[in-house]
Amino acid sequence: MNFIESKIASLIDHTLLKPETTSEQIIKLCEEAIEYKFAAVCVNPFYVSLVSKILRDSSVQVASVVGFPLGANLTEVKVLEARNAVENGADEIDMVMNIGAFKNGDNKKVIEEIEAVIEASNLAEIKVIVETAVLNQNEKEIICKLLKESRVTYIKTSTGFIPGGGAVPEDIQLFKKILEDKIKIKASGGIQDLFYTRKLLNCGAERIGTSSGINIVLEEIEDRCRNK
């Protein structure tokens, strides 16, 4: 990497969750994460074991998704996914909350499921994906207040699989206001350049999920070179 180290790289989850992803692409993803010193590599459960082996001697964390991308799996399935991911080497779990249950007003079910995944994950960090694109303002406030009383590590904005959905500054600001510093914020979905990344970080995001991490880091290094 360029002799000017990136300040943003350590906040990025280098992500590849497309269904057509091959082992060769996953290996490349891990090699890039090591080279650029990203925070984590985020992959589907099928590739956790492979990623864990590649990243074993690095500082890069292994992240896997649970109940992805709809969140509509049964709790038992999410628990099994989480447990298996950790057994295969995952350090972090990005789980999609049960959005349907939340829309039904069954907040008890939502929290019980999250707590069950936390228990199954043991010491892994838990990020709960709330899919902001399908929530109204009141619902976003409610879920923040619910999660504030839980053992969740991060609230995450999006799966990136909803057309037109993604991280927006207004949501990050709202999360930060309600959650204060009790739960961290991961911005994800549609983040492709340095300008928008910085905007989200300035609003309170502490982790960025993106498949454009390398472009963002190279933009940052170029920008810092210009302003030396």
Protein backbone atom coordinates (compact mmCIF):
# COMPACT_ATOMS: atom_id res chain seq x y z
CA MET A 1 0.00 0.00 0.00
CA ASN A 2 1.03 3.64 -0.41
CA PHE A 3 3.52 4.88 2.22
CA ILE A 4 0.79 7.24 3.48
CA GLU A 5 -1.34 5.00 5.70
CA SER A 6 -5.10 5.20 5.46
CA LYS A 7 -7.05 6.49 8.46
CA ILE A 8 -10.34 5.10 7.17
CA ALA A 9 -9.27 1.54 6.29
CA SER A 10 -9.47 0.35 9.90
CA LEU A 11 -13.16 1.35 9.95
CA ILE A 12 -14.16 -0.59 6.84
CA ASP A 13 -15.72 -4.06 6.60
CA HIS A 14 -14.51 -5.35 3.23
CA THR A 15 -17.68 -7.00 1.98
CA LEU A 16 -18.67 -9.54 -0.66
CA LEU A 17 -22.14 -11.08 -0.27
CA LYS A 18 -23.28 -11.69 -3.83
CA PRO A 19 -24.78 -15.15 -4.40
CA GLU A 20 -22.47 -15.88 -7.34
CA THR A 21 -19.28 -15.28 -5.32
CA THR A 22 -16.54 -17.88 -5.91
CA SER A 23 -13.74 -19.17 -3.67
CA GLU A 24 -11.22 -17.38 -5.86
CA GLN A 25 -12.99 -14.07 -5.25
CA ILE A 26 -13.09 -14.71 -1.50
CA ILE A 27 -9.35 -15.42 -1.40
CA LYS A 28 -8.70 -12.17 -3.26
CA LEU A 29 -11.02 -10.33 -0.85
CA CYS A 30 -9.02 -11.58 2.12
CA GLU A 31 -5.69 -10.73 0.52
CA GLU A 32 -6.94 -7.21 -0.12
CA ALA A 33 -8.18 -6.88 3.46
CA ILE A 34 -4.76 -7.85 4.80
CA GLU A 35 -2.95 -5.50 2.41
CA TYR A 36 -5.16 -2.49 3.13
CA LYS A 37 -5.62 -3.29 6.84
CA PHE A 38 -9.41 -3.28 6.80
CA ALA A 39 -11.34 -3.90 10.02
CA ALA A 40 -13.03 -7.07 8.84
CA VAL A 41 -14.01 -9.24 5.91
CA CYS A 42 -17.78 -9.83 5.72
CA VAL A 43 -18.97 -12.92 3.85
CA ASN A 44 -21.82 -15.40 3.66
CA PRO A 45 -21.72 -18.37 6.09
CA PHE A 46 -20.52 -20.81 3.43
CA TYR A 47 -17.15 -19.05 3.23
CA VAL A 48 -16.47 -18.36 6.92
CA SER A 49 -14.19 -21.37 7.37
CA LEU A 50 -12.09 -20.43 4.33
CA VAL A 51 -11.85 -16.79 5.40
CA SER A 52 -10.89 -17.77 8.93
CA LYS A 53 -7.97 -19.87 7.67
CA ILE A 54 -6.67 -17.10 5.42
CA LEU A 55 -6.97 -14.35 8.04
CA ARG A 56 -5.74 -16.46 10.98
CA ASP A 57 -2.41 -14.62 11.40
CA SER A 58 -3.70 -11.16 10.53
CA SER A 59 -5.44 -8.40 12.48
CA VAL A 60 -8.47 -8.52 10.15
CA GLN A 61 -11.65 -9.82 11.79
CA VAL A 62 -13.97 -12.42 10.27
CA ALA A 63 -17.60 -11.31 9.95
CA SER A 64 -20.54 -13.39 8.75
CA VAL A 65 -24.21 -12.67 8.12
CA VAL A 66 -27.17 -14.38 9.80
CA GLY A 67 -30.77 -14.40 8.54
CA PHE A 68 -29.52 -12.64 5.45
CA PRO A 69 -30.89 -10.78 3.57
CA LEU A 70 -34.58 -10.86 4.60
CA GLY A 71 -34.44 -11.54 8.34
CA ALA A 72 -37.47 -13.81 8.00
CA ASN A 73 -35.81 -17.06 9.06
CA LEU A 74 -37.04 -18.88 12.14
CA THR A 75 -35.15 -18.02 15.31
CA GLU A 76 -33.81 -21.58 15.53
CA VAL A 77 -32.26 -21.19 12.08
CA LYS A 78 -30.61 -17.90 12.97
CA VAL A 79 -29.26 -19.39 16.19
CA LEU A 80 -27.81 -22.35 14.28
CA GLU A 81 -26.29 -20.04 11.65
CA ALA A 82 -24.68 -17.89 14.33
CA ARG A 83 -23.35 -20.84 16.32
CA ASN A 84 -21.89 -22.48 13.22
CA ALA A 85 -20.33 -19.22 12.06
CA VAL A 86 -18.53 -18.76 15.38
CA GLU A 87 -17.42 -22.40 15.43
CA ASN A 88 -15.99 -21.88 11.94
CA GLY A 89 -14.03 -18.82 13.04
CA ALA A 90 -16.32 -15.77 12.87
CA ASP A 91 -15.46 -12.90 15.24
CA GLU A 92 -18.47 -10.78 14.32
CA ILE A 93 -22.07 -11.56 13.36
CA ASP A 94 -24.21 -9.23 11.23
CA MET A 95 -27.79 -10.45 11.77
CA VAL A 96 -30.93 -9.18 10.08
CA MET A 97 -33.64 -8.58 12.65
CA ASN A 98 -37.08 -10.06 12.12
CA ILE A 99 -38.50 -7.08 10.24
CA GLY A 100 -41.93 -8.67 9.81
CA ALA A 101 -42.27 -9.29 13.56
CA PHE A 102 -41.22 -5.70 14.22
CA LYS A 103 -43.79 -4.38 11.75
CA ASN A 104 -46.39 -6.51 13.54
CA GLY A 105 -45.53 -4.72 16.77
CA ASP A 106 -44.10 -7.90 18.30
CA ASN A 107 -41.11 -6.20 19.89
CA LYS A 108 -40.79 -9.00 22.45
CA LYS A 109 -40.18 -11.51 19.65
CA VAL A 110 -37.61 -9.24 18.02
CA ILE A 111 -35.57 -8.78 21.19
CA GLU A 112 -35.86 -12.42 22.27
CA GLU A 113 -34.49 -13.50 18.90
CA ILE A 114 -31.60 -11.03 19.08
CA GLU A 115 -30.73 -12.22 22.59
CA ALA A 116 -30.87 -15.86 21.43
CA VAL A 117 -28.37 -15.08 18.66
CA ILE A 118 -26.14 -13.26 21.14
CA GLU A 119 -26.16 -16.31 23.40
CA ALA A 120 -25.38 -18.64 20.50
CA SER A 121 -22.55 -16.39 19.33
CA ASN A 122 -20.82 -16.40 22.70
CA LEU A 123 -18.11 -13.70 22.52
CA ALA A 124 -18.66 -12.59 18.91
CA GLU A 125 -19.64 -8.96 18.32
CA ILE A 126 -23.24 -8.63 17.17
CA LYS A 127 -24.43 -6.13 14.60
CA VAL A 128 -28.20 -5.94 14.09
CA ILE A 129 -29.30 -4.96 10.59
CA VAL A 130 -32.56 -3.01 10.81
CA GLU A 131 -33.07 -2.25 7.07
CA THR A 132 -33.81 1.45 7.35
CA ALA A 133 -35.28 1.62 3.83
CA VAL A 134 -38.43 -0.20 4.99
CA LEU A 135 -38.84 1.67 8.29
CA ASN A 136 -40.54 5.00 8.90
CA GLN A 137 -39.21 7.63 11.28
CA ASN A 138 -41.22 6.41 14.25
CA GLU A 139 -40.15 2.80 13.69
CA LYS A 140 -36.49 3.82 13.53
CA GLU A 141 -36.85 5.58 16.87
CA ILE A 142 -38.59 2.58 18.43
CA ILE A 143 -35.98 0.05 17.31
CA CYS A 144 -33.17 2.28 18.58
CA LYS A 145 -34.79 2.46 22.00
CA LEU A 146 -35.27 -1.31 22.04
CA LEU A 147 -31.69 -2.05 21.05
CA LYS A 148 -30.36 0.49 23.54
CA GLU A 149 -31.41 -1.86 26.35
CA SER A 150 -29.90 -4.95 24.70
CA ARG A 151 -26.39 -6.42 24.55
CA VAL A 152 -25.98 -5.58 20.85
CA THR A 153 -22.61 -4.16 19.80
CA TYR A 154 -23.72 -2.32 16.64
CA ILE A 155 -26.86 -1.20 14.88
CA LYS A 156 -26.41 -1.56 11.12
CA THR A 157 -28.45 0.40 8.60
CA SER A 158 -28.92 -1.93 5.67
CA THR A 159 -28.30 -5.23 3.91
CA GLY A 160 -27.63 -3.46 0.63
CA PHE A 161 -30.14 -5.77 -1.05
CA ILE A 162 -33.13 -3.39 -1.03
CA PRO A 163 -33.26 -1.34 -4.28
CA GLY A 164 -32.73 2.30 -3.42
CA GLY A 165 -32.02 1.44 0.21
CA GLY A 166 -28.80 2.24 1.98
CA ALA A 167 -27.08 4.39 4.56
CA VAL A 168 -28.14 8.04 4.72
CA PRO A 169 -26.75 10.76 7.02
CA GLU A 170 -30.15 11.51 8.59
CA ASP A 171 -30.49 7.95 9.87
CA ILE A 172 -26.97 7.94 11.30
CA GLN A 173 -27.68 11.22 13.10
CA LEU A 174 -30.93 9.85 14.50
CA PHE A 175 -29.26 6.65 15.71
CA LYS A 176 -26.46 8.62 17.34
CA LYS A 177 -28.89 10.94 19.11
CA ILE A 178 -30.95 8.11 20.61
CA LEU A 179 -28.24 5.53 21.21
CA GLU A 180 -25.65 8.05 22.42
CA ASP A 181 -22.53 5.93 22.96
CA LYS A 182 -24.24 2.76 24.22
CA ILE A 183 -24.34 1.05 20.82
CA LYS A 184 -22.03 1.65 17.89
CA ILE A 185 -23.30 2.41 14.38
CA LYS A 186 -22.38 0.59 11.17
CA ALA A 187 -23.36 2.37 7.97
CA SER A 188 -23.89 0.02 5.04
CA GLY A 189 -25.51 0.11 1.62
CA GLY A 190 -24.63 2.33 -1.33
CA ILE A 191 -21.33 3.65 0.09
CA GLN A 192 -18.98 4.00 -2.84
CA ASP A 193 -16.72 7.02 -2.42
CA LEU A 194 -14.62 8.95 0.08
CA PHE A 195 -16.88 11.99 0.27
CA TYR A 196 -19.93 9.98 1.34
CA THR A 197 -17.87 7.81 3.69
CA ARG A 198 -16.54 10.85 5.50
CA LYS A 199 -20.03 12.33 5.66
CA LEU A 200 -21.40 9.22 7.38
CA LEU A 201 -18.46 9.03 9.77
CA ASN A 202 -18.91 12.69 10.68
CA CYS A 203 -22.56 11.96 11.47
CA GLY A 204 -21.58 9.28 13.96
CA ALA A 205 -20.93 6.02 12.08
CA GLU A 206 -18.07 4.00 13.53
CA ARG A 207 -17.90 1.22 10.96
CA ILE A 208 -18.50 1.24 7.20
CA GLY A 209 -19.73 -1.80 5.27
CA THR A 210 -18.86 -1.60 1.60
CA SER A 211 -17.59 -3.49 -1.41
CA SER A 212 -15.82 -0.29 -2.56
CA GLY A 213 -13.30 -0.16 0.28
CA ILE A 214 -10.20 -0.13 -1.90
CA ASN A 215 -11.46 2.77 -4.03
CA ILE A 216 -12.34 4.72 -0.86
CA VAL A 217 -8.91 4.15 0.69
CA LEU A 218 -7.07 5.07 -2.51
CA GLU A 219 -9.16 8.24 -2.76
CA GLU A 220 -8.25 9.10 0.82
CA ILE A 221 -4.53 8.55 0.25
CA GLU A 222 -4.63 10.65 -2.93
CA ASP A 223 -6.49 13.40 -1.08
CA ARG A 224 -3.97 13.41 1.76
CA CYS A 225 -1.07 13.52 -0.72
CA ARG A 226 -2.59 16.59 -2.38
CA ASN A 227 -3.01 18.34 0.95
CA LYS A 228 0.39 17.57 2.49
